[in-house]
Amino acid sequence: MITERLVQLYHRGNSLLERFAARKNWQAELTILSTLLFFAFPSYDLIYGEFLPFWERIFVQVAHPLTNFNYDPASHESKQAFRLLIPLLIRFTGLHIAGMIVLQHLVGMMSILLFTQIAYRITADKIITILLTLAYVSLGVGRSSFISNCALFDGFAFFFLLLSLRFSSVFLIFLSLTCAAWIDERGLIASSLIFVWYLMYGNKKQVAAVVLAWIVYFALRFYLAHAFGLHTSTGAVGFDIFVNQMNNAPMGLWTGMEGFWVIFLMSLAVLWWKKQWHYLLMLSGSVAIIAIVALMVIDISRSMFYMLPAIIIALRIVKENETTQHFSALVWITLLLSALFPAYIVGDVNVLNWQYPFPLQVLRLLTQ
């Protein structure tokens, strides 16, 4: 009886998805629906409270972008010297906190649309694309632009990483990866996955664009370090941090891809079976580096989110080597795992922050 009801529910859901996919502007409408932050609603009330000091220090950098400040070596601010793109954006646009929050949300919406377009290009199936998009917005990386209100701008970096995958223009690849790197150094590390993507599915010019972005970044960083004395502290970074917060490692690792780990591991198995050892080594190696770096800093989940391009690579590998039926089943499993797992952000020794669903946020505000 229960099985029959579940089958009926599945067919009704599939019918609903088919009707939605038949709509003319289904991608745009899916993007809008995906930004209804019911399952992980931002703590907007903390922006001008607990999070205000983070914003104030960003605006100090906005006013003096090429000045090296003597922050505590273990602090977040001591790592921001070369994260110049957002401070310069604020400086030239004149946006303040509210304007940046709005812009973050818009960037988050554009990232969802980019992911939808990439997924559809890979799968050529509207239903599967909808399921993949719903899985994506269930991830911490998919929610990043909406739930991060403490002057952390990773959502912009994720947007540029997706942009470099969505469009094949050599100039746009170079520009996007350059922007991602100057938002956060983890964007530079994640660009190694973009290198793998274009090595597998692009051409020599696209691969060269990735390499050129690296060369320009390091050359300009070297210049800024010597001309203005900018430097990044290595405090609260290293093997001792990894050992100290080892108890959070499994949960932190899971937050990197959540349900998409199923598809990623399947993609590694495909590369193994096809004996494509060089691609297997590069893909697994890049993800391993991101994971190791993430476990050697305090903000574990935030760093793990930079595995995003690996999801795209894994989707294409599995899609091209599995039957439609099997691939669809994997996508359903991915969605269920991602959607059912609470939106946790993991960091430090024992930090496990649940991004509250909308009803609980309302309850929290009413009881304050």
Protein backbone atom coordinates (compact mmCIF):
# COMPACT_ATOMS: atom_id res chain seq x y z
CA MET A 1 0.00 0.00 0.00
CA ILE A 2 2.73 2.44 0.97
CA THR A 3 4.77 1.48 -2.09
CA GLU A 4 1.76 2.10 -4.35
CA ARG A 5 1.23 5.52 -2.78
CA LEU A 6 4.90 6.39 -3.30
CA VAL A 7 4.71 5.32 -6.95
CA GLN A 8 1.59 7.44 -7.42
CA LEU A 9 3.31 10.38 -5.78
CA TYR A 10 6.32 9.92 -8.07
CA HIS A 11 4.15 9.93 -11.21
CA ARG A 12 2.25 13.01 -10.04
CA GLY A 13 5.51 14.80 -9.37
CA ASN A 14 6.87 13.80 -12.74
CA SER A 15 3.72 15.05 -14.44
CA LEU A 16 4.03 18.36 -12.63
CA LEU A 17 7.67 18.66 -13.73
CA GLU A 18 6.71 17.94 -17.34
CA ARG A 19 4.10 20.69 -17.31
CA PHE A 20 6.56 23.12 -15.79
CA ALA A 21 9.28 22.18 -18.30
CA ALA A 22 6.85 22.87 -21.15
CA ARG A 23 6.57 26.53 -20.14
CA LYS A 24 8.23 29.04 -22.45
CA ASN A 25 10.44 30.70 -19.81
CA TRP A 26 11.03 27.64 -17.65
CA GLN A 27 14.69 28.43 -16.93
CA ALA A 28 13.97 31.96 -15.69
CA GLU A 29 10.96 30.78 -13.68
CA LEU A 30 13.01 27.95 -12.17
CA THR A 31 15.64 30.50 -11.11
CA ILE A 32 13.04 32.66 -9.39
CA LEU A 33 11.42 29.69 -7.64
CA SER A 34 14.83 28.45 -6.53
CA THR A 35 15.54 31.71 -4.72
CA LEU A 36 12.51 31.33 -2.43
CA LEU A 37 14.62 30.83 0.66
CA PHE A 38 12.18 28.68 2.60
CA PHE A 39 14.61 25.95 3.65
CA ALA A 40 17.56 28.23 4.54
CA PHE A 41 16.51 31.78 5.31
CA PRO A 42 19.18 34.45 5.94
CA SER A 43 19.59 36.08 9.33
CA TYR A 44 19.09 39.60 8.02
CA ASP A 45 18.74 40.98 11.56
CA LEU A 46 22.40 40.20 12.27
CA ILE A 47 23.77 42.37 9.45
CA TYR A 48 23.70 45.55 11.51
CA GLY A 49 24.37 43.67 14.73
CA GLU A 50 26.77 40.79 15.15
CA PHE A 51 28.06 41.01 11.55
CA LEU A 52 28.55 44.80 11.45
CA PRO A 53 32.25 44.74 12.47
CA PHE A 54 33.02 42.52 9.46
CA TRP A 55 31.40 45.06 7.15
CA GLU A 56 33.19 47.97 8.83
CA ARG A 57 36.58 46.34 8.21
CA ILE A 58 35.66 45.80 4.55
CA PHE A 59 34.92 49.51 4.20
CA VAL A 60 38.30 50.29 5.73
CA GLN A 61 39.82 48.24 2.90
CA VAL A 62 37.56 50.06 0.43
CA ALA A 63 39.00 53.40 1.58
CA HIS A 64 42.61 52.12 1.58
CA PRO A 65 42.80 49.13 -0.79
CA LEU A 66 46.58 49.13 -1.15
CA THR A 67 47.42 49.56 2.52
CA ASN A 68 48.67 46.67 4.59
CA PHE A 69 46.98 46.58 8.00
CA ASN A 70 48.49 44.84 11.02
CA TYR A 71 45.57 42.65 11.94
CA ASP A 72 45.87 39.68 14.27
CA PRO A 73 47.65 36.99 12.18
CA ALA A 74 44.94 34.48 13.14
CA SER A 75 42.09 36.75 12.08
CA HIS A 76 40.02 36.62 8.89
CA GLU A 77 41.00 40.21 8.06
CA SER A 78 44.71 39.32 7.94
CA LYS A 79 43.94 37.11 4.92
CA GLN A 80 42.17 39.82 2.88
CA ALA A 81 45.05 41.92 1.56
CA PHE A 82 44.89 40.48 -1.98
CA ARG A 83 41.12 40.00 -2.09
CA LEU A 84 40.73 43.30 -3.85
CA LEU A 85 37.97 42.89 -6.43
CA ILE A 86 35.00 43.42 -4.11
CA PRO A 87 36.53 46.38 -2.23
CA LEU A 88 37.31 48.02 -5.59
CA LEU A 89 33.78 47.24 -6.81
CA ILE A 90 32.33 48.93 -3.71
CA ARG A 91 34.73 51.87 -4.10
CA PHE A 92 33.73 52.56 -7.72
CA THR A 93 30.00 51.87 -7.36
CA GLY A 94 29.49 53.62 -4.04
CA LEU A 95 27.36 50.76 -2.75
CA HIS A 96 26.93 50.38 0.98
CA ILE A 97 25.83 47.37 3.02
CA ALA A 98 22.22 47.20 1.83
CA GLY A 99 23.28 47.65 -1.80
CA MET A 100 25.85 44.88 -1.52
CA ILE A 101 23.30 42.51 0.02
CA VAL A 102 20.94 43.16 -2.90
CA LEU A 103 23.78 42.70 -5.40
CA GLN A 104 24.79 39.43 -3.69
CA HIS A 105 21.26 38.13 -4.08
CA LEU A 106 21.18 39.11 -7.75
CA VAL A 107 24.53 37.38 -8.31
CA GLY A 108 23.13 34.31 -6.56
CA MET A 109 20.16 34.28 -8.91
CA MET A 110 22.43 34.61 -11.94
CA SER A 111 24.53 31.73 -10.63
CA ILE A 112 21.43 29.53 -10.42
CA LEU A 113 20.54 30.45 -14.00
CA LEU A 114 24.10 29.68 -15.16
CA PHE A 115 24.02 26.30 -13.42
CA THR A 116 20.65 25.54 -15.04
CA GLN A 117 21.96 26.43 -18.49
CA ILE A 118 25.14 24.36 -18.03
CA ALA A 119 23.15 21.38 -16.74
CA TYR A 120 20.73 21.58 -19.67
CA ARG A 121 23.58 21.80 -22.16
CA ILE A 122 25.09 18.65 -20.65
CA THR A 123 21.89 16.61 -20.27
CA ALA A 124 19.62 17.99 -23.04
CA ASP A 125 16.77 16.94 -20.73
CA LYS A 126 14.53 19.55 -19.09
CA ILE A 127 13.24 17.29 -16.31
CA ILE A 128 16.70 16.16 -15.26
CA THR A 129 17.92 19.77 -15.45
CA ILE A 130 15.15 20.89 -13.10
CA LEU A 131 16.06 18.13 -10.65
CA LEU A 132 19.75 19.03 -10.83
CA THR A 133 18.99 22.72 -10.25
CA LEU A 134 16.85 21.89 -7.23
CA ALA A 135 19.73 19.77 -5.91
CA TYR A 136 22.18 22.62 -6.54
CA VAL A 137 20.14 25.18 -4.59
CA SER A 138 19.96 22.66 -1.74
CA LEU A 139 23.75 22.83 -1.40
CA GLY A 140 25.63 25.33 0.69
CA VAL A 141 27.35 26.58 -2.46
CA GLY A 142 23.98 27.18 -4.12
CA ARG A 143 22.75 29.15 -1.11
CA SER A 144 26.00 31.01 -0.47
CA SER A 145 25.02 34.34 -2.02
CA PHE A 146 21.83 34.43 0.02
CA ILE A 147 22.86 33.19 3.46
CA SER A 148 26.27 34.89 3.73
CA ASN A 149 25.60 38.32 5.18
CA CYS A 150 28.84 38.90 7.08
CA ALA A 151 30.91 40.46 4.28
CA LEU A 152 32.05 37.16 2.78
CA PHE A 153 31.75 37.33 -0.99
CA ASP A 154 32.31 33.76 -2.11
CA GLY A 155 29.03 33.86 -4.04
CA PHE A 156 30.68 36.26 -6.49
CA ALA A 157 33.59 33.84 -6.96
CA PHE A 158 31.18 30.96 -7.59
CA PHE A 159 29.39 33.09 -10.18
CA PHE A 160 32.63 33.72 -12.07
CA LEU A 161 33.62 30.05 -11.92
CA LEU A 162 30.25 29.09 -13.43
CA LEU A 163 30.59 31.87 -16.01
CA SER A 164 33.93 30.42 -17.15
CA LEU A 165 32.18 27.07 -17.70
CA ARG A 166 29.05 28.43 -19.37
CA PHE A 167 30.73 30.40 -22.15
CA SER A 168 33.61 29.20 -24.28
CA SER A 169 35.03 32.65 -25.15
CA VAL A 170 38.76 32.67 -24.45
CA PHE A 171 38.62 36.26 -23.18
CA LEU A 172 35.64 35.54 -20.92
CA ILE A 173 37.37 32.47 -19.46
CA PHE A 174 40.46 34.55 -18.70
CA LEU A 175 38.44 37.44 -17.25
CA SER A 176 36.18 35.23 -15.15
CA LEU A 177 39.03 33.28 -13.58
CA THR A 178 40.98 36.46 -12.94
CA CYS A 179 37.97 37.91 -11.11
CA ALA A 180 37.44 34.72 -9.08
CA ALA A 181 41.09 34.72 -7.97
CA TRP A 182 40.97 38.36 -6.80
CA ILE A 183 37.84 37.67 -4.77
CA ASP A 184 39.45 34.85 -2.83
CA GLU A 185 42.57 32.74 -3.27
CA ARG A 186 40.36 29.67 -3.14
CA GLY A 187 38.95 30.81 -6.46
CA LEU A 188 42.45 30.47 -7.88
CA ILE A 189 42.75 26.94 -6.49
CA ALA A 190 39.31 26.02 -7.88
CA SER A 191 40.38 27.23 -11.32
CA SER A 192 42.50 24.08 -11.54
CA LEU A 193 39.18 22.29 -12.11
CA ILE A 194 38.37 24.70 -14.93
CA PHE A 195 41.73 23.71 -16.41
CA VAL A 196 40.68 20.05 -16.21
CA TRP A 197 37.31 20.83 -17.85
CA TYR A 198 38.84 22.53 -20.87
CA LEU A 199 41.58 19.93 -21.12
CA MET A 200 38.85 17.29 -21.38
CA TYR A 201 36.22 19.16 -23.39
CA GLY A 202 37.81 22.32 -24.78
CA ASN A 203 40.67 23.34 -27.04
CA LYS A 204 44.21 24.57 -26.63
CA LYS A 205 43.22 28.25 -26.64
CA GLN A 206 40.77 27.74 -23.78
CA VAL A 207 43.37 25.84 -21.77
CA ALA A 208 45.86 28.62 -22.49
CA ALA A 209 43.33 31.20 -21.21
CA VAL A 210 43.26 29.42 -17.84
CA VAL A 211 47.06 29.32 -17.67
CA LEU A 212 47.30 32.98 -18.68
CA ALA A 213 44.90 33.92 -15.86
CA TRP A 214 47.26 32.17 -13.42
CA ILE A 215 50.34 33.93 -14.82
CA VAL A 216 48.72 37.39 -14.71
CA TYR A 217 47.44 36.80 -11.18
CA PHE A 218 50.81 35.76 -9.77
CA ALA A 219 52.66 38.53 -11.64
CA LEU A 220 50.30 41.22 -10.34
CA ARG A 221 50.31 39.75 -6.84
CA PHE A 222 54.13 39.75 -6.84
CA TYR A 223 54.11 43.41 -7.91
CA LEU A 224 51.60 44.47 -5.24
CA ALA A 225 53.54 42.61 -2.56
CA HIS A 226 56.78 44.38 -3.42
CA ALA A 227 55.39 47.81 -4.34
CA PHE A 228 52.92 48.20 -1.45
CA GLY A 229 54.02 45.60 1.08
CA LEU A 230 50.79 43.64 0.89
CA HIS A 231 50.97 40.17 2.38
CA THR A 232 48.68 37.40 3.58
CA SER A 233 49.10 36.04 7.09
CA THR A 234 49.38 32.28 7.56
CA GLY A 235 48.11 32.39 11.14
CA ALA A 236 45.38 29.85 11.96
CA VAL A 237 46.31 27.92 8.82
CA GLY A 238 48.17 24.63 8.71
CA PHE A 239 48.45 21.04 9.84
CA ASP A 240 47.88 21.90 13.51
CA ILE A 241 44.49 23.38 12.59
CA PHE A 242 43.64 20.17 10.70
CA VAL A 243 44.49 18.00 13.70
CA ASN A 244 42.65 20.29 16.10
CA GLN A 245 39.37 20.23 14.16
CA MET A 246 39.58 16.65 12.86
CA ASN A 247 36.25 15.78 14.48
CA ASN A 248 34.52 18.13 12.05
CA ALA A 249 36.35 16.77 8.98
CA PRO A 250 33.74 14.19 7.84
CA MET A 251 30.81 16.61 8.12
CA GLY A 252 32.85 19.39 6.52
CA LEU A 253 33.83 17.16 3.63
CA TRP A 254 30.20 16.18 3.07
CA THR A 255 29.13 19.84 2.79
CA GLY A 256 31.42 20.29 -0.22
CA MET A 257 29.09 18.41 -2.59
CA GLU A 258 26.50 16.71 -0.38
CA GLY A 259 24.36 14.48 -2.63
CA PHE A 260 26.54 15.27 -5.65
CA TRP A 261 29.26 13.11 -4.08
CA VAL A 262 27.33 10.17 -5.56
CA ILE A 263 27.77 11.49 -9.10
CA PHE A 264 31.34 12.61 -8.45
CA LEU A 265 32.43 9.20 -7.16
CA MET A 266 30.67 7.59 -10.11
CA SER A 267 32.64 9.85 -12.47
CA LEU A 268 35.90 8.69 -10.89
CA ALA A 269 34.79 5.09 -11.37
CA VAL A 270 34.05 5.81 -15.05
CA LEU A 271 37.51 7.30 -15.57
CA TRP A 272 39.03 4.28 -13.82
CA TRP A 273 37.13 1.77 -15.96
CA LYS A 274 38.05 3.65 -19.13
CA LYS A 275 41.69 3.79 -17.99
CA GLN A 276 41.83 7.56 -18.42
CA TRP A 277 44.43 7.77 -15.69
CA HIS A 278 45.61 11.33 -16.38
CA TYR A 279 42.08 12.76 -16.13
CA LEU A 280 41.39 10.64 -13.06
CA LEU A 281 44.52 11.94 -11.38
CA MET A 282 43.88 15.57 -12.27
CA LEU A 283 40.21 15.57 -11.27
CA SER A 284 40.66 13.67 -8.01
CA GLY A 285 43.87 15.57 -7.27
CA SER A 286 42.26 18.98 -7.68
CA VAL A 287 39.35 18.03 -5.42
CA ALA A 288 41.77 16.53 -2.89
CA ILE A 289 43.78 19.77 -2.80
CA ILE A 290 40.64 21.83 -2.20
CA ALA A 291 39.59 19.40 0.56
CA ILE A 292 43.02 19.49 2.23
CA VAL A 293 43.14 23.29 2.13
CA ALA A 294 39.62 23.43 3.55
CA LEU A 295 40.55 21.16 6.45
CA MET A 296 43.61 23.27 7.24
CA VAL A 297 41.61 26.47 7.80
CA ILE A 298 38.84 27.28 10.25
CA ASP A 299 36.02 27.94 7.75
CA ILE A 300 35.79 24.36 6.47
CA SER A 301 32.46 24.36 4.61
CA ARG A 302 33.08 27.74 3.02
CA SER A 303 36.31 26.38 1.54
CA MET A 304 34.75 23.06 0.51
CA PHE A 305 32.16 24.94 -1.57
CA TYR A 306 34.91 25.72 -4.09
CA MET A 307 34.58 22.13 -5.33
CA LEU A 308 31.68 23.45 -7.43
CA PRO A 309 33.36 22.98 -10.88
CA ALA A 310 33.97 19.31 -10.02
CA ILE A 311 30.19 18.82 -9.93
CA ILE A 312 29.91 20.06 -13.52
CA ILE A 313 32.77 17.86 -14.71
CA ALA A 314 31.31 14.82 -12.96
CA LEU A 315 27.87 15.42 -14.47
CA ARG A 316 29.23 15.39 -18.00
CA ILE A 317 31.42 12.32 -17.45
CA VAL A 318 28.56 10.29 -15.99
CA LYS A 319 25.97 11.54 -18.48
CA GLU A 320 28.13 10.52 -21.43
CA ASN A 321 28.77 7.04 -20.02
CA GLU A 322 25.45 6.01 -18.45
CA THR A 323 22.04 5.14 -19.84
CA THR A 324 19.34 7.78 -19.48
CA GLN A 325 17.47 5.58 -17.00
CA HIS A 326 20.48 5.03 -14.77
CA PHE A 327 21.54 8.66 -14.96
CA SER A 328 18.02 9.78 -14.02
CA ALA A 329 18.09 7.47 -10.99
CA LEU A 330 21.43 8.94 -9.89
CA VAL A 331 20.03 12.46 -10.22
CA TRP A 332 16.99 11.56 -8.07
CA ILE A 333 19.27 10.10 -5.40
CA THR A 334 21.44 13.23 -5.54
CA LEU A 335 18.42 15.49 -5.12
CA LEU A 336 16.99 13.51 -2.21
CA LEU A 337 20.30 13.41 -0.35
CA SER A 338 20.93 17.12 -0.90
CA ALA A 339 17.40 18.27 -0.08
CA LEU A 340 16.91 16.09 2.99
CA PHE A 341 20.25 16.99 4.57
CA PRO A 342 19.93 20.16 6.73
CA ALA A 343 21.79 23.26 5.59
CA TYR A 344 24.78 23.08 7.92
CA ILE A 345 27.90 25.23 7.81
CA VAL A 346 30.88 23.51 9.43
CA GLY A 347 34.02 25.08 10.83
CA ASP A 348 36.63 25.08 13.58
CA VAL A 349 36.65 22.46 16.34
CA ASN A 350 32.95 22.25 17.08
CA VAL A 351 31.11 24.85 14.98
CA LEU A 352 28.04 23.41 13.29
CA ASN A 353 25.68 26.18 12.25
CA TRP A 354 22.26 25.28 10.89
CA GLN A 355 20.92 27.79 8.38
CA TYR A 356 17.40 27.95 9.75
CA PRO A 357 14.38 27.38 7.50
CA PHE A 358 12.01 30.35 7.20
CA PRO A 359 9.49 29.21 9.88
CA LEU A 360 12.26 28.77 12.46
CA GLN A 361 13.77 32.15 11.58
CA VAL A 362 10.39 33.74 12.24
CA LEU A 363 10.15 31.86 15.54
CA ARG A 364 13.68 32.96 16.51
CA LEU A 365 12.88 36.62 15.80
CA LEU A 366 9.59 36.48 17.69
CA THR A 367 11.24 35.03 20.80
CA GLN A 368 14.11 37.49 20.97
